[in-house]
Amino acid sequence: QVQLVESGGGLVQPGGSLTLSCVASRSIDSAYALGWYRQAPGKQRELVARIISGGSTNYADSVKGRFTISRDNAKNTVYLQMNDLKAENTAVYYCNVAFYGDIREYWGQGTQVIVSS
């Protein structure tokens, strides 16, 4: 079993920035995919950004150029740097990790991001 703990959410004004962190309870060296998803009220959970083993990344069209996903294997941590935040980015953000050799995907408990003036 793997625990993922997110942090870094909060209230920010439009145009502001936040950095989300997700710390895993085990090494992420063998993770083949690490991602951030979000779920806004009344909407389905959606992919925000994902980083694949080897370093390739993909982003939701709505966040390209504003959000950056990165990983620090030494700290067992995946980050989501969010710049130029907009009201429509308000959601609960979830970390997701999948490991080689493990059929399960792991989710964090979520961290709330509210973008409001």
N, C-alpha and C. Protein backbone atom coordinates (compact mmCIF):
# COMPACT_ATOMS: atom_id res chain seq x y z
N GLN A 1 0.85 -1.19 0.00
CA GLN A 1 0.00 0.00 0.00
C GLN A 1 0.89 1.25 0.00
N VAL A 2 0.45 2.24 -0.73
CA VAL A 2 1.20 3.49 -0.85
C VAL A 2 0.30 4.63 -0.42
N GLN A 3 0.81 5.48 0.43
CA GLN A 3 0.07 6.69 0.80
C GLN A 3 0.64 7.88 0.05
N LEU A 4 -0.25 8.72 -0.41
CA LEU A 4 0.12 9.97 -1.07
C LEU A 4 -0.48 11.12 -0.27
N VAL A 5 0.34 12.07 0.05
CA VAL A 5 -0.13 13.21 0.84
C VAL A 5 0.12 14.49 0.06
N GLU A 6 -0.98 15.16 -0.29
CA GLU A 6 -0.88 16.41 -1.02
C GLU A 6 -0.86 17.59 -0.05
N SER A 7 -0.26 18.66 -0.50
CA SER A 7 -0.28 19.91 0.25
C SER A 7 -0.08 21.06 -0.71
N GLY A 8 -0.30 22.26 -0.20
CA GLY A 8 -0.04 23.44 -0.99
C GLY A 8 -1.27 24.16 -1.52
N GLY A 9 -2.43 23.56 -1.33
CA GLY A 9 -3.64 24.23 -1.78
C GLY A 9 -3.98 25.42 -0.90
N GLY A 10 -4.98 26.16 -1.34
CA GLY A 10 -5.40 27.31 -0.55
C GLY A 10 -6.19 28.28 -1.38
N LEU A 11 -6.36 29.46 -0.83
CA LEU A 11 -7.09 30.54 -1.49
C LEU A 11 -6.08 31.48 -2.14
N VAL A 12 -6.32 31.76 -3.40
CA VAL A 12 -5.42 32.65 -4.14
C VAL A 12 -6.25 33.53 -5.05
N GLN A 13 -5.77 34.73 -5.30
CA GLN A 13 -6.46 35.65 -6.19
C GLN A 13 -6.20 35.28 -7.65
N PRO A 14 -7.12 35.64 -8.52
CA PRO A 14 -6.86 35.42 -9.96
C PRO A 14 -5.55 36.05 -10.38
N GLY A 15 -4.81 35.30 -11.20
CA GLY A 15 -3.50 35.76 -11.61
C GLY A 15 -2.38 35.30 -10.69
N GLY A 16 -2.73 34.75 -9.56
CA GLY A 16 -1.73 34.31 -8.59
C GLY A 16 -1.17 32.94 -8.91
N SER A 17 -0.30 32.48 -8.02
CA SER A 17 0.38 31.20 -8.22
C SER A 17 0.30 30.35 -6.97
N LEU A 18 0.34 29.05 -7.18
CA LEU A 18 0.43 28.08 -6.11
C LEU A 18 1.29 26.93 -6.59
N THR A 19 1.95 26.28 -5.65
CA THR A 19 2.67 25.05 -5.96
C THR A 19 2.12 23.93 -5.08
N LEU A 20 1.61 22.91 -5.71
CA LEU A 20 1.12 21.74 -5.00
C LEU A 20 2.23 20.70 -4.91
N SER A 21 2.25 20.00 -3.79
CA SER A 21 3.22 18.93 -3.58
C SER A 21 2.49 17.65 -3.23
N CYS A 22 3.06 16.55 -3.66
CA CYS A 22 2.51 15.23 -3.33
C CYS A 22 3.67 14.34 -2.93
N VAL A 23 3.66 13.94 -1.66
CA VAL A 23 4.74 13.10 -1.14
C VAL A 23 4.24 11.67 -1.03
N ALA A 24 5.01 10.76 -1.60
CA ALA A 24 4.66 9.33 -1.55
C ALA A 24 5.37 8.65 -0.39
N SER A 25 4.72 7.61 0.13
CA SER A 25 5.28 6.89 1.28
C SER A 25 6.34 5.87 0.87
N ARG A 26 6.56 5.73 -0.41
CA ARG A 26 7.63 4.86 -0.89
C ARG A 26 8.33 5.55 -2.07
N SER A 27 9.44 4.99 -2.47
CA SER A 27 10.19 5.56 -3.57
C SER A 27 9.35 5.62 -4.83
N ILE A 28 9.49 6.74 -5.55
CA ILE A 28 8.80 6.88 -6.83
C ILE A 28 9.72 6.57 -8.01
N ASP A 29 10.89 6.02 -7.70
CA ASP A 29 11.82 5.67 -8.77
C ASP A 29 11.17 4.72 -9.79
N SER A 30 10.31 3.83 -9.29
CA SER A 30 9.69 2.84 -10.17
C SER A 30 8.30 3.26 -10.61
N ALA A 31 7.97 4.53 -10.43
CA ALA A 31 6.68 5.03 -10.90
C ALA A 31 6.75 5.28 -12.39
N TYR A 32 5.81 4.76 -13.15
CA TYR A 32 5.83 5.03 -14.59
C TYR A 32 4.92 6.18 -14.97
N ALA A 33 4.05 6.56 -14.06
CA ALA A 33 3.19 7.71 -14.33
C ALA A 33 2.85 8.40 -13.03
N LEU A 34 3.02 9.69 -13.02
CA LEU A 34 2.63 10.52 -11.88
C LEU A 34 1.78 11.65 -12.44
N GLY A 35 0.64 11.86 -11.82
CA GLY A 35 -0.25 12.86 -12.38
C GLY A 35 -0.99 13.66 -11.34
N TRP A 36 -1.51 14.76 -11.81
CA TRP A 36 -2.42 15.59 -11.03
C TRP A 36 -3.76 15.64 -11.75
N TYR A 37 -4.80 15.40 -11.00
CA TYR A 37 -6.18 15.48 -11.49
C TYR A 37 -6.92 16.50 -10.64
N ARG A 38 -8.05 16.94 -11.13
CA ARG A 38 -8.86 17.85 -10.34
C ARG A 38 -10.33 17.54 -10.54
N GLN A 39 -11.08 17.93 -9.54
CA GLN A 39 -12.53 17.76 -9.61
C GLN A 39 -13.19 19.00 -9.05
N ALA A 40 -13.91 19.68 -9.92
CA ALA A 40 -14.67 20.86 -9.51
C ALA A 40 -16.07 20.42 -9.10
N PRO A 41 -16.74 21.22 -8.31
CA PRO A 41 -18.10 20.87 -7.86
C PRO A 41 -19.02 20.58 -9.05
N GLY A 42 -19.69 19.45 -8.98
CA GLY A 42 -20.64 19.10 -10.03
C GLY A 42 -20.01 18.59 -11.31
N LYS A 43 -18.69 18.42 -11.31
CA LYS A 43 -18.02 17.97 -12.53
C LYS A 43 -17.25 16.68 -12.27
N GLN A 44 -16.89 16.01 -13.35
CA GLN A 44 -16.10 14.79 -13.23
C GLN A 44 -14.63 15.12 -12.99
N ARG A 45 -13.95 14.17 -12.38
CA ARG A 45 -12.52 14.33 -12.20
C ARG A 45 -11.84 14.31 -13.58
N GLU A 46 -10.87 15.20 -13.74
CA GLU A 46 -10.21 15.31 -15.04
C GLU A 46 -8.70 15.42 -14.85
N LEU A 47 -7.99 14.96 -15.88
CA LEU A 47 -6.54 15.05 -15.85
C LEU A 47 -6.11 16.50 -16.04
N VAL A 48 -5.17 16.93 -15.19
CA VAL A 48 -4.57 18.25 -15.33
C VAL A 48 -3.20 18.13 -15.99
N ALA A 49 -2.37 17.25 -15.44
CA ALA A 49 -1.02 17.09 -15.96
C ALA A 49 -0.50 15.73 -15.53
N ARG A 50 0.39 15.19 -16.36
CA ARG A 50 0.95 13.89 -16.06
C ARG A 50 2.38 13.84 -16.58
N ILE A 51 3.20 13.16 -15.81
CA ILE A 51 4.58 12.96 -16.23
C ILE A 51 4.84 11.46 -16.27
N ILE A 52 5.40 11.03 -17.38
CA ILE A 52 5.61 9.60 -17.63
C ILE A 52 7.09 9.26 -17.44
N SER A 53 7.35 8.03 -17.04
CA SER A 53 8.73 7.58 -16.92
C SER A 53 9.48 7.89 -18.21
N GLY A 54 10.63 8.50 -18.08
CA GLY A 54 11.36 8.95 -19.25
C GLY A 54 11.27 10.46 -19.39
N GLY A 55 10.30 11.05 -18.69
CA GLY A 55 10.24 12.49 -18.61
C GLY A 55 9.21 13.18 -19.47
N SER A 56 8.53 12.45 -20.32
CA SER A 56 7.54 13.13 -21.16
C SER A 56 6.35 13.57 -20.31
N THR A 57 5.76 14.66 -20.71
CA THR A 57 4.63 15.23 -19.97
C THR A 57 3.47 15.50 -20.91
N ASN A 58 2.29 15.51 -20.33
CA ASN A 58 1.15 15.99 -21.08
C ASN A 58 0.24 16.78 -20.14
N TYR A 59 -0.45 17.76 -20.73
CA TYR A 59 -1.25 18.70 -19.97
C TYR A 59 -2.63 18.84 -20.61
N ALA A 60 -3.59 19.17 -19.76
CA ALA A 60 -4.89 19.58 -20.29
C ALA A 60 -4.68 20.86 -21.08
N ASP A 61 -5.41 20.99 -22.16
CA ASP A 61 -5.26 22.16 -23.02
C ASP A 61 -5.45 23.45 -22.25
N SER A 62 -6.34 23.44 -21.29
CA SER A 62 -6.69 24.67 -20.57
C SER A 62 -5.58 25.16 -19.66
N VAL A 63 -4.58 24.31 -19.37
CA VAL A 63 -3.52 24.73 -18.44
C VAL A 63 -2.16 24.82 -19.12
N LYS A 64 -2.07 24.45 -20.37
CA LYS A 64 -0.79 24.49 -21.07
C LYS A 64 -0.21 25.90 -21.04
N GLY A 65 1.06 25.96 -20.71
CA GLY A 65 1.74 27.24 -20.64
C GLY A 65 1.63 27.93 -19.30
N ARG A 66 0.73 27.42 -18.44
CA ARG A 66 0.56 28.03 -17.12
C ARG A 66 0.95 27.08 -15.99
N PHE A 67 0.74 25.80 -16.19
CA PHE A 67 1.04 24.79 -15.16
C PHE A 67 2.24 23.97 -15.59
N THR A 68 3.02 23.54 -14.59
CA THR A 68 4.18 22.70 -14.86
C THR A 68 4.23 21.57 -13.84
N ILE A 69 4.31 20.35 -14.33
CA ILE A 69 4.45 19.20 -13.44
C ILE A 69 5.92 18.78 -13.42
N SER A 70 6.38 18.37 -12.24
CA SER A 70 7.76 17.92 -12.12
C SER A 70 7.84 16.87 -11.01
N ARG A 71 8.93 16.15 -10.98
CA ARG A 71 9.12 15.12 -9.97
C ARG A 71 10.52 15.24 -9.39
N ASP A 72 10.62 14.90 -8.10
CA ASP A 72 11.91 14.85 -7.42
C ASP A 72 11.99 13.47 -6.78
N ASN A 73 12.67 12.56 -7.46
CA ASN A 73 12.72 11.19 -6.95
C ASN A 73 13.41 11.11 -5.58
N ALA A 74 14.37 11.97 -5.35
CA ALA A 74 15.10 11.93 -4.08
C ALA A 74 14.18 12.25 -2.90
N LYS A 75 13.13 13.02 -3.17
CA LYS A 75 12.19 13.41 -2.12
C LYS A 75 10.86 12.65 -2.24
N ASN A 76 10.78 11.72 -3.17
CA ASN A 76 9.53 10.97 -3.39
C ASN A 76 8.35 11.92 -3.61
N THR A 77 8.58 12.96 -4.35
CA THR A 77 7.61 14.04 -4.45
C THR A 77 7.34 14.42 -5.90
N VAL A 78 6.08 14.69 -6.18
CA VAL A 78 5.69 15.26 -7.47
C VAL A 78 5.04 16.61 -7.20
N TYR A 79 5.35 17.57 -8.05
CA TYR A 79 4.90 18.94 -7.87
C TYR A 79 4.00 19.37 -9.02
N LEU A 80 3.17 20.35 -8.72
CA LEU A 80 2.42 21.02 -9.77
C LEU A 80 2.53 22.52 -9.51
N GLN A 81 3.30 23.17 -10.34
CA GLN A 81 3.43 24.62 -10.27
C GLN A 81 2.32 25.23 -11.10
N MET A 82 1.51 26.06 -10.47
CA MET A 82 0.36 26.67 -11.15
C MET A 82 0.52 28.17 -11.15
N ASN A 83 0.59 28.75 -12.34
CA ASN A 83 0.73 30.19 -12.49
C ASN A 83 -0.49 30.76 -13.20
N ASP A 84 -0.67 32.06 -13.03
CA ASP A 84 -1.77 32.76 -13.70
C ASP A 84 -3.09 32.02 -13.46
N LEU A 85 -3.37 31.77 -12.23
CA LEU A 85 -4.57 31.00 -11.89
C LEU A 85 -5.84 31.76 -12.23
N LYS A 86 -6.84 31.01 -12.62
CA LYS A 86 -8.14 31.57 -13.01
C LYS A 86 -9.23 30.96 -12.14
N ALA A 87 -10.36 31.64 -12.08
CA ALA A 87 -11.46 31.15 -11.26
C ALA A 87 -11.85 29.72 -11.63
N GLU A 88 -11.77 29.41 -12.91
CA GLU A 88 -12.16 28.07 -13.36
C GLU A 88 -11.17 26.97 -12.95
N ASN A 89 -10.06 27.37 -12.35
CA ASN A 89 -9.13 26.39 -11.82
C ASN A 89 -9.51 25.94 -10.40
N THR A 90 -10.54 26.54 -9.86
CA THR A 90 -11.01 26.16 -8.53
C THR A 90 -11.49 24.71 -8.55
N ALA A 91 -10.92 23.91 -7.66
CA ALA A 91 -11.25 22.48 -7.63
C ALA A 91 -10.46 21.83 -6.49
N VAL A 92 -10.79 20.58 -6.24
CA VAL A 92 -9.94 19.75 -5.39
C VAL A 92 -8.95 19.05 -6.31
N TYR A 93 -7.68 19.17 -5.99
CA TYR A 93 -6.63 18.60 -6.81
C TYR A 93 -6.11 17.32 -6.16
N TYR A 94 -6.00 16.27 -6.97
CA TYR A 94 -5.60 14.96 -6.48
C TYR A 94 -4.33 14.49 -7.18
N CYS A 95 -3.48 13.89 -6.39
CA CYS A 95 -2.27 13.28 -6.92
C CYS A 95 -2.57 11.82 -7.25
N ASN A 96 -1.96 11.33 -8.30
CA ASN A 96 -2.16 9.94 -8.75
C ASN A 96 -0.82 9.36 -9.17
N VAL A 97 -0.56 8.14 -8.71
CA VAL A 97 0.70 7.49 -9.05
C VAL A 97 0.45 6.04 -9.44
N ALA A 98 1.12 5.61 -10.48
CA ALA A 98 1.08 4.21 -10.91
C ALA A 98 2.52 3.71 -11.00
N PHE A 99 2.70 2.49 -10.50
CA PHE A 99 4.04 1.92 -10.44
C PHE A 99 4.16 0.72 -11.38
N TYR A 100 5.35 0.55 -11.92
CA TYR A 100 5.63 -0.68 -12.66
C TYR A 100 5.42 -1.87 -11.74
N GLY A 101 4.78 -2.91 -12.26
CA GLY A 101 4.59 -4.14 -11.51
C GLY A 101 3.46 -4.10 -10.50
N ASP A 102 2.72 -3.02 -10.47
CA ASP A 102 1.60 -2.89 -9.53
C ASP A 102 0.37 -2.51 -10.33
N ILE A 103 -0.67 -3.34 -10.29
CA ILE A 103 -1.85 -3.06 -11.10
C ILE A 103 -2.70 -1.94 -10.51
N ARG A 104 -2.44 -1.58 -9.27
CA ARG A 104 -3.23 -0.53 -8.63
C ARG A 104 -2.70 0.85 -8.98
N GLU A 105 -3.60 1.79 -8.97
CA GLU A 105 -3.23 3.20 -9.00
C GLU A 105 -3.53 3.78 -7.63
N TYR A 106 -2.73 4.71 -7.23
CA TYR A 106 -2.87 5.29 -5.90
C TYR A 106 -3.27 6.75 -6.01
N TRP A 107 -4.13 7.13 -5.08
CA TRP A 107 -4.65 8.50 -5.05
C TRP A 107 -4.40 9.12 -3.68
N GLY A 108 -4.14 10.42 -3.71
CA GLY A 108 -4.08 11.16 -2.46
C GLY A 108 -5.47 11.58 -2.03
N GLN A 109 -5.52 12.26 -0.91
CA GLN A 109 -6.81 12.66 -0.34
C GLN A 109 -7.34 13.95 -0.95
N GLY A 110 -6.49 14.64 -1.68
CA GLY A 110 -6.91 15.87 -2.33
C GLY A 110 -6.54 17.11 -1.55
N THR A 111 -6.31 18.18 -2.28
CA THR A 111 -6.06 19.48 -1.67
C THR A 111 -6.88 20.52 -2.41
N GLN A 112 -7.55 21.36 -1.65
CA GLN A 112 -8.48 22.32 -2.23
C GLN A 112 -7.74 23.56 -2.74
N VAL A 113 -8.08 23.94 -3.95
CA VAL A 113 -7.58 25.20 -4.52
C VAL A 113 -8.79 26.07 -4.84
N ILE A 114 -8.78 27.27 -4.30
CA ILE A 114 -9.86 28.22 -4.56
C ILE A 114 -9.24 29.48 -5.15
N VAL A 115 -9.69 29.84 -6.32
CA VAL A 115 -9.21 31.05 -6.98
C VAL A 115 -10.34 32.06 -6.99
N SER A 116 -10.16 33.10 -6.19
CA SER A 116 -11.23 34.07 -6.02
C SER A 116 -10.66 35.38 -5.54
N SER A 117 -11.31 36.46 -5.96
CA SER A 117 -10.91 37.77 -5.49
C SER A 117 -11.74 38.18 -4.29
